[in-house]
C-alpha atoms as a PDB file:
ATOM      1  CA  UNK A   1      54.305 126.925 111.012  1.00  0.00           C
ATOM      2  CA  UNK A   2      57.256 124.544 111.113  1.00  0.00           C
ATOM      3  CA  UNK A   3      58.589 121.316 112.570  1.00  0.00           C
ATOM      4  CA  UNK A   4      61.796 121.991 114.493  1.00  0.00           C
ATOM      5  CA  UNK A   5      64.249 119.972 116.531  1.00  0.00           C
ATOM      6  CA  UNK A   6      63.237 120.449 120.205  1.00  0.00           C
ATOM      7  CA  UNK A   7      65.008 123.382 121.809  1.00  0.00           C
ATOM      8  CA  UNK A   8      65.139 125.316 125.064  1.00  0.00           C
ATOM      9  CA  UNK A   9      64.036 128.363 123.056  1.00  0.00           C
ATOM     10  CA  UNK A  10      60.441 127.126 123.451  1.00  0.00           C
ATOM     11  CA  UNK A  11      60.596 126.484 127.189  1.00  0.00           C
ATOM     12  CA  UNK A  12      57.824 128.868 128.239  1.00  0.00           C
ATOM     13  CA  UNK A  13      55.226 127.647 125.739  1.00  0.00           C
ATOM     14  CA  UNK A  14      56.209 123.988 126.310  1.00  0.00           C
ATOM     15  CA  UNK A  15      55.732 124.355 130.084  1.00  0.00           C
ATOM     16  CA  UNK A  16      52.430 126.144 129.447  1.00  0.00           C
ATOM     17  CA  UNK A  17      51.356 123.216 127.257  1.00  0.00           C
ATOM     18  CA  UNK A  18      52.195 120.740 130.042  1.00  0.00           C
ATOM     19  CA  UNK A  19      50.150 122.791 132.494  1.00  0.00           C
ATOM     20  CA  UNK A  20      47.313 122.741 129.937  1.00  0.00           C
ATOM     21  CA  UNK A  21      47.376 118.913 129.954  1.00  0.00           C
ATOM     22  CA  UNK A  22      49.559 118.170 126.924  1.00  0.00           C
ATOM     23  CA  UNK A  23      50.602 114.521 126.675  1.00  0.00           C
ATOM     24  CA  UNK A  24      51.394 111.965 123.989  1.00  0.00           C
ATOM     25  CA  UNK A  25      49.077 109.117 123.096  1.00  0.00           C
ATOM     26  CA  UNK A  26      47.499 107.379 126.060  1.00  0.00           C
ATOM     27  CA  UNK A  27      50.084 108.627 128.553  1.00  0.00           C
ATOM     28  CA  UNK A  28      48.604 110.654 131.424  1.00  0.00           C
ATOM     29  CA  UNK A  29      49.334 114.395 131.675  1.00  0.00           C
ATOM     30  CA  UNK A  30      52.271 115.406 133.858  1.00  0.00           C
ATOM     31  CA  UNK A  31      51.568 116.156 137.518  1.00  0.00           C
ATOM     32  CA  UNK A  32      52.359 119.614 138.928  1.00  0.00           C
ATOM     33  CA  UNK A  33      55.422 118.120 140.663  1.00  0.00           C
ATOM     34  CA  UNK A  34      56.662 116.571 137.394  1.00  0.00           C
ATOM     35  CA  UNK A  35      56.134 119.874 135.562  1.00  0.00           C
ATOM     36  CA  UNK A  36      58.058 121.728 138.270  1.00  0.00           C
ATOM     37  CA  UNK A  37      60.926 119.238 137.922  1.00  0.00           C
ATOM     38  CA  UNK A  38      60.983 119.643 134.127  1.00  0.00           C
ATOM     39  CA  UNK A  39      60.899 123.430 134.438  1.00  0.00           C
ATOM     40  CA  UNK A  40      63.783 123.429 136.952  1.00  0.00           C
ATOM     41  CA  UNK A  41      66.093 121.610 134.509  1.00  0.00           C
ATOM     42  CA  UNK A  42      64.522 122.175 131.116  1.00  0.00           C
ATOM     43  CA  UNK A  43      67.794 121.874 129.248  1.00  0.00           C
ATOM     44  CA  UNK A  44      68.461 118.501 130.888  1.00  0.00           C
ATOM     45  CA  UNK A  45      64.904 117.390 130.124  1.00  0.00           C
ATOM     46  CA  UNK A  46      65.234 118.257 126.439  1.00  0.00           C
ATOM     47  CA  UNK A  47      68.665 116.643 126.178  1.00  0.00           C
ATOM     48  CA  UNK A  48      68.022 113.466 128.193  1.00  0.00           C
ATOM     49  CA  UNK A  49      64.318 112.769 127.615  1.00  0.00           C
ATOM     50  CA  UNK A  50      63.387 114.332 124.275  1.00  0.00           C
ATOM     51  CA  UNK A  51      66.631 114.127 122.284  1.00  0.00           C
ATOM     52  CA  UNK A  52      67.826 110.943 123.985  1.00  0.00           C
ATOM     53  CA  UNK A  53      70.034 108.803 121.780  1.00  0.00           C
ATOM     54  CA  UNK A  54      68.695 105.603 120.245  1.00  0.00           C
ATOM     55  CA  UNK A  55      69.015 102.672 122.635  1.00  0.00           C
ATOM     56  CA  UNK A  56      69.045  99.267 120.898  1.00  0.00           C
ATOM     57  CA  UNK A  57      68.614  97.375 124.196  1.00  0.00           C
ATOM     58  CA  UNK A  58      65.131  95.761 124.307  1.00  0.00           C
ATOM     59  CA  UNK A  59      62.827  97.004 127.059  1.00  0.00           C
ATOM     60  CA  UNK A  60      59.654  95.689 128.662  1.00  0.00           C
ATOM     61  CA  UNK A  61      56.498  97.073 127.059  1.00  0.00           C
ATOM     62  CA  UNK A  62      52.854  97.174 128.120  1.00  0.00           C
ATOM     63  CA  UNK A  63      52.166  93.836 126.427  1.00  0.00           C
ATOM     64  CA  UNK A  64      54.544  92.093 128.844  1.00  0.00           C
ATOM     65  CA  UNK A  65      57.133  91.351 126.144  1.00  0.00           C
ATOM     66  CA  UNK A  66      60.515  92.832 125.456  1.00  0.00           C
ATOM     67  CA  UNK A  67      60.737  94.965 122.328  1.00  0.00           C
ATOM     68  CA  UNK A  68      63.587  96.877 120.808  1.00  0.00           C
ATOM     69  CA  UNK A  69      63.086 100.559 120.138  1.00  0.00           C
ATOM     70  CA  UNK A  70      63.505 102.064 116.717  1.00  0.00           C
ATOM     71  CA  UNK A  71      65.613 105.069 115.763  1.00  0.00           C
ATOM     72  CA  UNK A  72      63.389 108.099 116.220  1.00  0.00           C
ATOM     73  CA  UNK A  73      63.547 111.779 115.364  1.00  0.00           C
ATOM     74  CA  UNK A  74      61.468 114.095 117.544  1.00  0.00           C
ATOM     75  CA  UNK A  75      60.105 117.354 116.193  1.00  0.00           C
ATOM     76  CA  UNK A  76      58.120 120.108 117.831  1.00  0.00           C
ATOM     77  CA  UNK A  77      55.384 121.823 115.858  1.00  0.00           C
ATOM     78  CA  UNK A  78      55.878 125.560 116.317  1.00  0.00           C
ATOM     79  CA  UNK A  79      53.526 128.315 115.176  1.00  0.00           C
ATOM     80  CA  UNK A  80      54.352 131.987 115.726  1.00  0.00           C
ATOM     81  CA  UNK A  81      57.034 130.981 118.227  1.00  0.00           C
ATOM     82  CA  UNK A  82      54.633 128.841 120.271  1.00  0.00           C
ATOM     83  CA  UNK A  83      54.859 125.127 121.000  1.00  0.00           C
ATOM     84  CA  UNK A  84      51.810 123.414 119.476  1.00  0.00           C
ATOM     85  CA  UNK A  85      52.674 119.728 119.695  1.00  0.00           C
ATOM     86  CA  UNK A  86      55.083 116.855 119.115  1.00  0.00           C
ATOM     87  CA  UNK A  87      55.616 114.728 116.009  1.00  0.00           C
ATOM     88  CA  UNK A  88      57.896 111.708 116.301  1.00  0.00           C
ATOM     89  CA  UNK A  89      59.215 109.932 113.216  1.00  0.00           C
ATOM     90  CA  UNK A  90      60.423 106.374 113.693  1.00  0.00           C
ATOM     91  CA  UNK A  91      62.683 105.605 110.767  1.00  0.00           C
ATOM     92  CA  UNK A  92      62.589 101.813 111.075  1.00  0.00           C
ATOM     93  CA  UNK A  93      59.804  99.413 111.973  1.00  0.00           C
ATOM     94  CA  UNK A  94      60.374  96.432 114.226  1.00  0.00           C
ATOM     95  CA  UNK A  95      57.850  93.729 115.176  1.00  0.00           C
ATOM     96  CA  UNK A  96      56.218  95.826 117.897  1.00  0.00           C
ATOM     97  CA  UNK A  97      56.016  99.013 115.827  1.00  0.00           C
ATOM     98  CA  UNK A  98      54.708  97.050 112.855  1.00  0.00           C
ATOM     99  CA  UNK A  99      51.928  95.709 115.056  1.00  0.00           C
ATOM    100  CA  UNK A 100      50.642  98.956 116.514  1.00  0.00           C
ATOM    101  CA  UNK A 101      52.726 102.127 116.947  1.00  0.00           C
ATOM    102  CA  UNK A 102      54.019 102.483 113.403  1.00  0.00           C
ATOM    103  CA  UNK A 103      56.381 105.132 112.103  1.00  0.00           C
ATOM    104  CA  UNK A 104      54.579 108.131 113.540  1.00  0.00           C
ATOM    105  CA  UNK A 105      53.485 109.345 116.948  1.00  0.00           C
ATOM    106  CA  UNK A 106      52.096 112.786 117.644  1.00  0.00           C
ATOM    107  CA  UNK A 107      50.184 114.883 120.117  1.00  0.00           C
ATOM    108  CA  UNK A 108      48.715 118.380 120.055  1.00  0.00           C
ATOM    109  CA  UNK A 109      48.366 120.705 123.052  1.00  0.00           C
ATOM    110  CA  UNK A 110      44.700 120.671 124.177  1.00  0.00           C
ATOM    111  CA  UNK A 111      44.034 124.364 123.453  1.00  0.00           C
ATOM    112  CA  UNK A 112      45.186 123.894 119.836  1.00  0.00           C
ATOM    113  CA  UNK A 113      43.153 120.765 119.073  1.00  0.00           C
ATOM    114  CA  UNK A 114      40.401 120.818 116.431  1.00  0.00           C
ATOM    115  CA  UNK A 115      42.155 123.641 114.577  1.00  0.00           C
ATOM    116  CA  UNK A 116      43.882 121.586 111.867  1.00  0.00           C
ATOM    117  CA  UNK A 117      47.298 121.436 113.517  1.00  0.00           C
ATOM    118  CA  UNK A 118      47.507 117.626 113.465  1.00  0.00           C
ATOM    119  CA  UNK A 119      46.712 117.607 109.744  1.00  0.00           C
ATOM    120  CA  UNK A 120      49.271 120.303 108.940  1.00  0.00           C
ATOM    121  CA  UNK A 121      51.909 118.838 111.258  1.00  0.00           C
ATOM    122  CA  UNK A 122      51.514 115.401 109.695  1.00  0.00           C
ATOM    123  CA  UNK A 123      51.901 116.956 106.225  1.00  0.00           C
ATOM    124  CA  UNK A 124      55.167 118.568 107.365  1.00  0.00           C
ATOM    125  CA  UNK A 125      56.329 115.257 108.857  1.00  0.00           C
ATOM    126  CA  UNK A 126      55.665 113.527 105.536  1.00  0.00           C
ATOM    127  CA  UNK A 127      58.124 115.954 103.928  1.00  0.00           C
ATOM    128  CA  UNK A 128      60.736 115.129 106.567  1.00  0.00           C
ATOM    129  CA  UNK A 129      60.212 111.402 105.875  1.00  0.00           C
ATOM    130  CA  UNK A 130      60.511 111.941 102.113  1.00  0.00           C
ATOM    131  CA  UNK A 131      63.802 113.780 102.649  1.00  0.00           C
ATOM    132  CA  UNK A 132      65.040 110.649 104.455  1.00  0.00           C
ATOM    133  CA  UNK A 133      64.035 108.569 101.403  1.00  0.00           C
ATOM    134  CA  UNK A 134      61.268 106.772 103.281  1.00  0.00           C
ATOM    135  CA  UNK A 135      58.652 105.333 100.921  1.00  0.00           C
ATOM    136  CA  UNK A 136      55.663 104.876 103.232  1.00  0.00           C
ATOM    137  CA  UNK A 137      54.544 105.434 106.798  1.00  0.00           C
ATOM    138  CA  UNK A 138      52.463 103.266 109.106  1.00  0.00           C
ATOM    139  CA  UNK A 139      50.283 105.425 111.353  1.00  0.00           C
ATOM    140  CA  UNK A 140      47.782 104.190 113.958  1.00  0.00           C
ATOM    141  CA  UNK A 141      45.078 105.932 115.961  1.00  0.00           C
ATOM    142  CA  UNK A 142      42.486 104.825 118.467  1.00  0.00           C
ATOM    143  CA  UNK A 143      39.134 104.333 116.780  1.00  0.00           C
ATOM    144  CA  UNK A 144      37.594 106.848 119.208  1.00  0.00           C
ATOM    145  CA  UNK A 145      40.175 109.522 118.277  1.00  0.00           C
ATOM    146  CA  UNK A 146      38.246 110.901 115.326  1.00  0.00           C
ATOM    147  CA  UNK A 147      40.475 113.967 114.965  1.00  0.00           C
ATOM    148  CA  UNK A 148      43.593 111.837 114.663  1.00  0.00           C
ATOM    149  CA  UNK A 149      42.313 109.426 112.057  1.00  0.00           C
ATOM    150  CA  UNK A 150      40.771 112.291 110.073  1.00  0.00           C
ATOM    151  CA  UNK A 151      44.208 113.976 110.023  1.00  0.00           C
ATOM    152  CA  UNK A 152      45.728 110.706 108.790  1.00  0.00           C
ATOM    153  CA  UNK A 153      43.092 110.314 106.068  1.00  0.00           C
ATOM    154  CA  UNK A 154      43.536 113.945 104.941  1.00  0.00           C
ATOM    155  CA  UNK A 155      47.236 113.136 104.506  1.00  0.00           C
ATOM    156  CA  UNK A 156      46.543 110.204 102.200  1.00  0.00           C
ATOM    157  CA  UNK A 157      46.234 107.469 104.827  1.00  0.00           C
ATOM    158  CA  UNK A 158      44.711 104.266 103.492  1.00  0.00           C
ATOM    159  CA  UNK A 159      43.100 102.068 106.131  1.00  0.00           C
ATOM    160  CA  UNK A 160      44.725  98.639 106.326  1.00  0.00           C
ATOM    161  CA  UNK A 161      42.753  97.226 109.234  1.00  0.00           C
ATOM    162  CA  UNK A 162      41.270  97.808 112.668  1.00  0.00           C
ATOM    163  CA  UNK A 163      42.751  95.806 115.527  1.00  0.00           C
ATOM    164  CA  UNK A 164      42.342  95.183 119.236  1.00  0.00           C
ATOM    165  CA  UNK A 165      45.419  95.674 121.387  1.00  0.00           C
ATOM    166  CA  UNK A 166      45.341  93.101 124.202  1.00  0.00           C
ATOM    167  CA  UNK A 167      47.014  95.337 126.784  1.00  0.00           C
ATOM    168  CA  UNK A 168      44.896  98.452 126.099  1.00  0.00           C
ATOM    169  CA  UNK A 169      43.150  99.114 129.413  1.00  0.00           C
ATOM    170  CA  UNK A 170      40.116 100.643 127.692  1.00  0.00           C
ATOM    171  CA  UNK A 171      39.719  97.737 125.263  1.00  0.00           C
ATOM    172  CA  UNK A 172      39.693 100.188 122.374  1.00  0.00           C
ATOM    173  CA  UNK A 173      40.332  99.286 118.785  1.00  0.00           C
ATOM    174  CA  UNK A 174      43.046 100.937 116.713  1.00  0.00           C
ATOM    175  CA  UNK A 175      42.821 101.977 113.073  1.00  0.00           C
ATOM    176  CA  UNK A 176      46.056 101.253 111.166  1.00  0.00           C
ATOM    177  CA  UNK A 177      46.819 103.304 108.052  1.00  0.00           C
ATOM    178  CA  UNK A 178      49.544 103.411 105.420  1.00  0.00           C
ATOM    179  CA  UNK A 179      50.582 106.720 103.853  1.00  0.00           C
ATOM    180  CA  UNK A 180      52.522 106.331 100.600  1.00  0.00           C
ATOM    181  CA  UNK A 181      55.230 108.967 100.124  1.00  0.00           C
ATOM    182  CA  UNK A 182      56.601 108.201  96.651  1.00  0.00           C
END
């Protein structure tokens, strides 16, 4: 199992994951039309959407405020040549990321959930962060996402607090953890 830079080499298993309902965070799964569009120009999708360059221009977020993005490195978790999930490492925290999203975002393909992939992928991501000389990571998960916060805790996550996010449509609370790397 490894974390790799996204590549067209994994097109078939990535498309299969989308058809299986793979999505990140609270985003909805892709529609059949969106999947067909991605499949038709997979190289363009990977280049323009996944490996897109850092854009320092602030953009409107769900909370109705403008927030600047952070530099991010996207990795795909691959096992036996198959796409398992995505792990994003944000190398800098801004006000918005400090509040909720943190340094890490990840998602596992539905058919691979509850098999330890989030825990192992997060452990691999910690090594990538250490190689970049990062000292700690802020990671958040919805309180109802037991698998996610268990993966965080198994990777040394220490709960800082539990917060409400005003724009969350479900009114869910989020658990915010710090993982020390040094």
